[in-house]
C-alpha atoms as a PDB file:
ATOM      1  CA  MET A   1     -17.954 -10.409   6.244  1.00  0.00           C
ATOM      2  CA  LEU A   2     -16.673 -13.054   8.648  1.00  0.00           C
ATOM      3  CA  PRO A   3     -15.412 -11.567  11.945  1.00  0.00           C
ATOM      4  CA  CYS A   4     -11.949 -13.069  11.429  1.00  0.00           C
ATOM      5  CA  LEU A   5     -11.652 -11.520   7.955  1.00  0.00           C
ATOM      6  CA  GLU A   6     -12.933  -8.173   9.170  1.00  0.00           C
ATOM      7  CA  SER A   7     -10.384  -8.205  11.975  1.00  0.00           C
ATOM      8  CA  ALA A   8      -7.576  -9.096   9.544  1.00  0.00           C
ATOM      9  CA  ASN A   9      -8.607  -6.307   7.168  1.00  0.00           C
ATOM     10  CA  CYS A  10      -8.685  -3.769   9.990  1.00  0.00           C
ATOM     11  CA  ALA A  11      -5.251  -4.848  11.197  1.00  0.00           C
ATOM     12  CA  SER A  12      -3.849  -4.620   7.664  1.00  0.00           C
ATOM     13  CA  ALA A  13      -5.359  -1.154   7.127  1.00  0.00           C
ATOM     14  CA  THR A  14      -3.926   0.019  10.452  1.00  0.00           C
ATOM     15  CA  ARG A  15      -0.464  -1.220   9.507  1.00  0.00           C
ATOM     16  CA  LEU A  16      -0.692   0.415   6.071  1.00  0.00           C
ATOM     17  CA  SER A  17      -1.733   3.711   7.674  1.00  0.00           C
ATOM     18  CA  HIS A  18       1.277   3.483   9.967  1.00  0.00           C
ATOM     19  CA  TYR A  19       3.627   2.993   7.015  1.00  0.00           C
ATOM     20  CA  ILE A  20       2.028   5.923   5.182  1.00  0.00           C
ATOM     21  CA  GLU A  21       2.819   8.200   8.121  1.00  0.00           C
ATOM     22  CA  VAL A  22       6.376   6.837   8.241  1.00  0.00           C
ATOM     23  CA  HIS A  23       6.962   7.618   4.569  1.00  0.00           C
ATOM     24  CA  ARG A  24       5.319  11.021   4.738  1.00  0.00           C
ATOM     25  CA  ALA A  25       8.254  11.973   6.927  1.00  0.00           C
ATOM     26  CA  HIS A  26      10.642  10.858   4.165  1.00  0.00           C
ATOM     27  CA  ALA A  27       8.998  12.383   1.119  1.00  0.00           C
ATOM     28  CA  GLY A  28      12.395  13.115  -0.407  1.00  0.00           C
ATOM     29  CA  VAL A  29      13.084   9.403  -0.899  1.00  0.00           C
ATOM     30  CA  SER A  30      11.781   8.285  -4.282  1.00  0.00           C
ATOM     31  CA  PHE A  31       9.880   5.041  -4.767  1.00  0.00           C
ATOM     32  CA  ARG A  32      12.801   3.660  -6.779  1.00  0.00           C
ATOM     33  CA  GLU A  33      15.291   4.447  -4.013  1.00  0.00           C
ATOM     34  CA  HIS A  34      12.941   2.908  -1.476  1.00  0.00           C
ATOM     35  CA  ILE A  35      12.872  -0.356  -3.457  1.00  0.00           C
ATOM     36  CA  LYS A  36      16.660  -0.353  -3.689  1.00  0.00           C
ATOM     37  CA  GLN A  37      16.978   0.139   0.063  1.00  0.00           C
ATOM     38  CA  ARG A  38      14.540  -2.677   0.826  1.00  0.00           C
ATOM     39  CA  ARG A  39      16.576  -4.965  -1.423  1.00  0.00           C
ATOM     40  CA  ARG A  40      19.769  -3.937   0.345  1.00  0.00           C
ATOM     41  CA  ASP A  41      18.084  -4.732   3.656  1.00  0.00           C
ATOM     42  CA  LYS A  42      17.071  -8.118   2.256  1.00  0.00           C
ATOM     43  CA  ALA A  43      20.659  -8.817   1.209  1.00  0.00           C
ATOM     44  CA  VAL A  44      21.963  -7.865   4.659  1.00  0.00           C
ATOM     45  CA  ARG A  45      19.471 -10.219   6.297  1.00  0.00           C
ATOM     46  CA  ALA A  46      20.276 -12.990   3.813  1.00  0.00           C
ATOM     47  CA  SER A  47      23.996 -12.622   4.522  1.00  0.00           C
ATOM     48  CA  SER A  48      23.407 -14.213   7.920  1.00  0.00           C
ATOM     49  CA  PHE A  49      22.354 -17.444   6.169  1.00  0.00           C
ATOM     50  CA  LYS A  50      24.074 -19.936   3.940  1.00  0.00           C
ATOM     51  CA  LEU A  51      21.770 -19.988   0.917  1.00  0.00           C
ATOM     52  CA  LEU A  52      20.939 -23.375  -0.592  1.00  0.00           C
ATOM     53  CA  TYR A  53      18.873 -23.566  -3.774  1.00  0.00           C
ATOM     54  CA  LEU A  54      16.535 -26.559  -4.127  1.00  0.00           C
ATOM     55  CA  ASP A  55      15.120 -27.573  -7.487  1.00  0.00           C
ATOM     56  CA  THR A  56      11.435 -28.414  -7.916  1.00  0.00           C
ATOM     57  CA  MET A  57      11.892 -32.142  -7.328  1.00  0.00           C
ATOM     58  CA  ALA A  58      13.691 -31.461  -4.054  1.00  0.00           C
ATOM     59  CA  TRP A  59      10.796 -29.284  -2.842  1.00  0.00           C
ATOM     60  CA  LYS A  60       8.316 -32.006  -3.833  1.00  0.00           C
ATOM     61  CA  CYS A  61      10.366 -34.604  -2.008  1.00  0.00           C
ATOM     62  CA  VAL A  62      10.291 -32.649   1.248  1.00  0.00           C
ATOM     63  CA  ALA A  63       6.594 -31.802   0.822  1.00  0.00           C
ATOM     64  CA  ASP A  64       5.705 -35.473   0.240  1.00  0.00           C
ATOM     65  CA  TYR A  65       7.480 -36.353   3.461  1.00  0.00           C
ATOM     66  CA  ARG A  66       5.623 -33.663   5.396  1.00  0.00           C
ATOM     67  CA  GLN A  67       2.344 -35.133   4.098  1.00  0.00           C
ATOM     68  CA  ASN A  68       3.495 -38.664   4.990  1.00  0.00           C
ATOM     69  CA  LYS A  69       2.779 -40.018   1.511  1.00  0.00           C
ATOM     70  CA  ALA A  70       2.932 -43.756   0.960  1.00  0.00           C
ATOM     71  CA  SER A  71       5.401 -43.387  -1.916  1.00  0.00           C
ATOM     72  CA  LEU A  72       8.204 -42.218   0.393  1.00  0.00           C
ATOM     73  CA  THR A  73      11.546 -43.970   0.086  1.00  0.00           C
ATOM     74  CA  GLU A  74      14.270 -44.182   2.705  1.00  0.00           C
ATOM     75  CA  ALA A  75      16.360 -41.749   0.674  1.00  0.00           C
ATOM     76  CA  MET A  76      13.510 -39.218   0.716  1.00  0.00           C
ATOM     77  CA  LYS A  77      13.155 -39.584   4.484  1.00  0.00           C
ATOM     78  CA  THR A  78      16.877 -39.039   4.955  1.00  0.00           C
ATOM     79  CA  TYR A  79      16.790 -35.997   2.672  1.00  0.00           C
ATOM     80  CA  ASP A  80      13.988 -34.380   4.665  1.00  0.00           C
ATOM     81  CA  ALA A  81      15.690 -35.126   7.972  1.00  0.00           C
ATOM     82  CA  ASN A  82      18.795 -33.301   6.732  1.00  0.00           C
ATOM     83  CA  ALA A  83      16.698 -30.342   5.567  1.00  0.00           C
ATOM     84  CA  LYS A  84      15.039 -30.158   8.985  1.00  0.00           C
ATOM     85  CA  ARG A  85      18.386 -30.172  10.751  1.00  0.00           C
ATOM     86  CA  ALA A  86      19.633 -27.381   8.492  1.00  0.00           C
ATOM     87  CA  VAL A  87      16.587 -25.224   9.294  1.00  0.00           C
ATOM     88  CA  ILE A  88      16.838 -25.857  13.033  1.00  0.00           C
ATOM     89  CA  THR A  89      20.408 -24.540  13.129  1.00  0.00           C
ATOM     90  CA  GLY A  90      19.150 -21.135  11.946  1.00  0.00           C
ATOM     91  CA  ARG A  91      22.165 -20.887   9.648  1.00  0.00           C
ATOM     92  CA  PHE A  92      20.548 -21.937   6.367  1.00  0.00           C
ATOM     93  CA  ALA A  93      17.832 -20.580   4.092  1.00  0.00           C
ATOM     94  CA  PHE A  94      16.405 -22.143   0.948  1.00  0.00           C
ATOM     95  CA  PRO A  95      15.409 -19.301  -1.403  1.00  0.00           C
ATOM     96  CA  ILE A  96      12.844 -20.076  -4.055  1.00  0.00           C
ATOM     97  CA  GLY A  97      13.091 -19.126  -7.725  1.00  0.00           C
ATOM     98  CA  ILE A  98      10.359 -18.318 -10.195  1.00  0.00           C
ATOM     99  CA  PRO A  99      10.368 -21.699 -12.066  1.00  0.00           C
ATOM    100  CA  THR A 100       9.806 -23.580  -8.825  1.00  0.00           C
ATOM    101  CA  TYR A 101       7.255 -21.025  -7.674  1.00  0.00           C
ATOM    102  CA  PHE A 102       5.084 -21.538 -10.743  1.00  0.00           C
ATOM    103  CA  GLU A 103       5.455 -25.299 -10.491  1.00  0.00           C
ATOM    104  CA  LEU A 104       4.275 -25.250  -6.895  1.00  0.00           C
ATOM    105  CA  ASN A 105       1.524 -22.785  -7.694  1.00  0.00           C
ATOM    106  CA  SER A 106       0.098 -25.178 -10.292  1.00  0.00           C
ATOM    107  CA  MET A 107      -0.992 -27.578  -7.549  1.00  0.00           C
ATOM    108  CA  VAL A 108      -4.792 -27.825  -7.489  1.00  0.00           C
ATOM    109  CA  ASP A 109      -5.345 -29.916  -4.372  1.00  0.00           C
ATOM    110  CA  PRO A 110      -5.978 -27.522  -1.432  1.00  0.00           C
ATOM    111  CA  THR A 111      -4.211 -29.774   1.079  1.00  0.00           C
ATOM    112  CA  THR A 112      -1.139 -30.056  -1.128  1.00  0.00           C
ATOM    113  CA  ARG A 113      -1.078 -26.309  -1.798  1.00  0.00           C
ATOM    114  CA  GLU A 114      -1.289 -25.500   1.905  1.00  0.00           C
ATOM    115  CA  ALA A 115       1.488 -27.980   2.682  1.00  0.00           C
ATOM    116  CA  PHE A 116       3.723 -26.390   0.039  1.00  0.00           C
ATOM    117  CA  LYS A 117       2.902 -22.891   1.267  1.00  0.00           C
ATOM    118  CA  LYS A 118       3.931 -23.743   4.822  1.00  0.00           C
ATOM    119  CA  LEU A 119       7.030 -25.546   3.609  1.00  0.00           C
ATOM    120  CA  VAL A 120       8.204 -22.670   1.404  1.00  0.00           C
ATOM    121  CA  ASP A 121       7.478 -20.166   4.165  1.00  0.00           C
ATOM    122  CA  GLU A 122       9.536 -22.176   6.649  1.00  0.00           C
ATOM    123  CA  LEU A 123      12.522 -22.972   4.468  1.00  0.00           C
ATOM    124  CA  SER A 124      12.829 -19.858   2.291  1.00  0.00           C
ATOM    125  CA  GLN A 125      12.919 -17.312   5.135  1.00  0.00           C
ATOM    126  CA  GLY A 126      11.036 -14.972   2.797  1.00  0.00           C
ATOM    127  CA  ILE A 127      13.903 -14.858   0.288  1.00  0.00           C
ATOM    128  CA  PHE A 128      13.121 -15.017  -3.423  1.00  0.00           C
ATOM    129  CA  ILE A 129      15.617 -15.205  -6.290  1.00  0.00           C
ATOM    130  CA  ALA A 130      15.042 -12.718  -9.092  1.00  0.00           C
ATOM    131  CA  SER A 131      13.975 -14.141 -12.435  1.00  0.00           C
ATOM    132  CA  PHE A 132      16.397 -14.486 -15.334  1.00  0.00           C
ATOM    133  CA  HIS A 133      14.721 -11.537 -17.045  1.00  0.00           C
ATOM    134  CA  GLY A 134      15.112  -9.493 -13.876  1.00  0.00           C
ATOM    135  CA  ARG A 135      18.827 -10.218 -13.789  1.00  0.00           C
ATOM    136  CA  ILE A 136      19.227  -9.328 -17.464  1.00  0.00           C
ATOM    137  CA  GLY A 137      17.332  -6.086 -16.871  1.00  0.00           C
ATOM    138  CA  SER A 138      19.636  -5.217 -13.990  1.00  0.00           C
ATOM    139  CA  GLU A 139      22.735  -5.872 -16.082  1.00  0.00           C
ATOM    140  CA  LEU A 140      21.389  -3.809 -18.990  1.00  0.00           C
ATOM    141  CA  GLN A 141      20.721  -0.956 -16.575  1.00  0.00           C
ATOM    142  CA  MET A 142      24.344  -1.135 -15.397  1.00  0.00           C
ATOM    143  CA  LEU A 143      25.502  -1.014 -19.021  1.00  0.00           C
ATOM    144  CA  ARG A 144      23.259   1.945 -19.801  1.00  0.00           C
ATOM    145  CA  THR A 145      24.458   3.929 -16.787  1.00  0.00           C
ATOM    146  CA  ASN A 146      28.115   2.891 -17.192  1.00  0.00           C
ATOM    147  CA  ARG A 147      28.325   1.178 -13.802  1.00  0.00           C
ATOM    148  CA  LEU A 148      30.127  -1.949 -15.011  1.00  0.00           C
ATOM    149  CA  SER A 149      32.731  -1.771 -12.249  1.00  0.00           C
ATOM    150  CA  GLU A 150      30.106  -2.172  -9.525  1.00  0.00           C
ATOM    151  CA  ALA A 151      29.755  -5.572  -7.920  1.00  0.00           C
ATOM    152  CA  GLU A 152      26.111  -6.173  -7.083  1.00  0.00           C
ATOM    153  CA  GLY A 153      26.663  -9.209  -4.911  1.00  0.00           C
ATOM    154  CA  GLN A 154      23.601 -10.712  -3.260  1.00  0.00           C
ATOM    155  CA  ARG A 155      21.523  -7.550  -3.496  1.00  0.00           C
ATOM    156  CA  GLY A 156      21.533  -7.962  -7.268  1.00  0.00           C
ATOM    157  CA  PHE A 157      19.355 -11.050  -7.240  1.00  0.00           C
ATOM    158  CA  LEU A 158      17.559 -11.347  -3.899  1.00  0.00           C
ATOM    159  CA  ARG A 159      13.966 -10.178  -3.713  1.00  0.00           C
ATOM    160  CA  SER A 160      10.877 -10.361  -1.533  1.00  0.00           C
ATOM    161  CA  PRO A 161       8.098 -12.789  -2.555  1.00  0.00           C
ATOM    162  CA  VAL A 162       5.830  -9.865  -3.442  1.00  0.00           C
ATOM    163  CA  GLU A 163       8.196  -9.138  -6.356  1.00  0.00           C
ATOM    164  CA  VAL A 164       7.590 -12.540  -7.953  1.00  0.00           C
ATOM    165  CA  MET A 165       6.216 -10.939 -11.134  1.00  0.00           C
ATOM    166  CA  ALA A 166       7.052  -7.264 -10.737  1.00  0.00           C
ATOM    167  CA  VAL A 167       7.223  -4.508  -8.151  1.00  0.00           C
ATOM    168  CA  PRO A 168       3.587  -3.854  -7.150  1.00  0.00           C
ATOM    169  CA  THR A 169       2.310  -0.326  -7.651  1.00  0.00           C
ATOM    170  CA  ILE A 170      -1.141   1.211  -7.417  1.00  0.00           C
ATOM    171  CA  SER A 171      -2.474   4.151  -9.419  1.00  0.00           C
ATOM    172  CA  LEU A 172      -4.522   6.267  -7.053  1.00  0.00           C
ATOM    173  CA  PRO A 173      -7.667   8.202  -7.995  1.00  0.00           C
ATOM    174  CA  ASN A 174      -7.448  11.973  -7.648  1.00  0.00           C
ATOM    175  CA  PHE A 175      -9.554  12.146  -4.492  1.00  0.00           C
ATOM    176  CA  VAL A 176      -7.058   9.847  -2.741  1.00  0.00           C
ATOM    177  CA  LYS A 177      -4.069  11.783  -4.086  1.00  0.00           C
ATOM    178  CA  ALA A 178      -5.515  14.819  -2.348  1.00  0.00           C
ATOM    179  CA  GLN A 179      -4.833  13.015   0.945  1.00  0.00           C
ATOM    180  CA  VAL A 180      -1.586  11.164   0.207  1.00  0.00           C
ATOM    181  CA  SER A 181       0.907  11.274  -2.662  1.00  0.00           C
ATOM    182  CA  GLU A 182       1.111   8.257  -4.943  1.00  0.00           C
ATOM    183  CA  ALA A 183       4.815   7.782  -4.189  1.00  0.00           C
ATOM    184  CA  THR A 184       4.193   7.791  -0.432  1.00  0.00           C
ATOM    185  CA  PHE A 185       1.291   5.365  -0.760  1.00  0.00           C
ATOM    186  CA  ASN A 186       3.243   2.954  -2.968  1.00  0.00           C
ATOM    187  CA  LYS A 187       6.243   2.998  -0.641  1.00  0.00           C
ATOM    188  CA  ALA A 188       3.924   2.177   2.262  1.00  0.00           C
ATOM    189  CA  PHE A 189       2.092  -0.481   0.251  1.00  0.00           C
ATOM    190  CA  PHE A 190       5.351  -2.141  -0.801  1.00  0.00           C
ATOM    191  CA  MET A 191       6.625  -2.108   2.766  1.00  0.00           C
ATOM    192  CA  ARG A 192       3.383  -3.682   3.969  1.00  0.00           C
ATOM    193  CA  CYS A 193       3.558  -6.388   1.306  1.00  0.00           C
ATOM    194  CA  THR A 194       7.192  -7.229   2.011  1.00  0.00           C
ATOM    195  CA  SER A 195       6.304  -7.973   5.617  1.00  0.00           C
ATOM    196  CA  PHE A 196       4.675 -11.157   4.279  1.00  0.00           C
ATOM    197  CA  ARG A 197       6.517 -14.263   3.205  1.00  0.00           C
ATOM    198  CA  PHE A 198       4.329 -16.600   1.185  1.00  0.00           C
ATOM    199  CA  PRO A 199       0.704 -16.036   2.266  1.00  0.00           C
ATOM    200  CA  SER A 200      -1.997 -18.514   1.246  1.00  0.00           C
ATOM    201  CA  SER A 201      -3.301 -16.196  -1.452  1.00  0.00           C
ATOM    202  CA  TRP A 202       0.014 -16.552  -3.296  1.00  0.00           C
ATOM    203  CA  MET A 203       0.030 -20.323  -3.501  1.00  0.00           C
END
């Protein structure tokens, strides 16, 4: 293994071990409640930004400018300059939704993919908008539990990038469960994953 990869793996394992110890001290908190709390934390953080949603063409426009493509128009240059100014103020975030994510992820050129990854990481501030199916599922859950009077607000649709498809969980073999409970491990694993924004392996 390359030294840089070995070092990264060791650092990741150390961080995961730290989170496991943290959650061992809170064994009474279920995995489901942990996810809810992380989403509430995400909503609180997002509340400090004005959220602006860009469609796929807007993302491509900004990415083309960052790569200095010959096809740039003056309007595209102006658009990117405005986006840059918005980011610099620290008052705006550009969350990404699942349709745009899959469109960006379809890029096959490594240079283009890396440019998009950096762009999304910079502009999104690690904020992802839940899919349509996710929103429907949330509303059905409210119907089932008779919580129609509750206003979800931002926490009802803001997610971490790691939740792009679903909440990640790992089924542990019995010899690992003898050392750490599955709920504790998955809470730690989720917390570790949500510390990322859009790593290269995602795009």
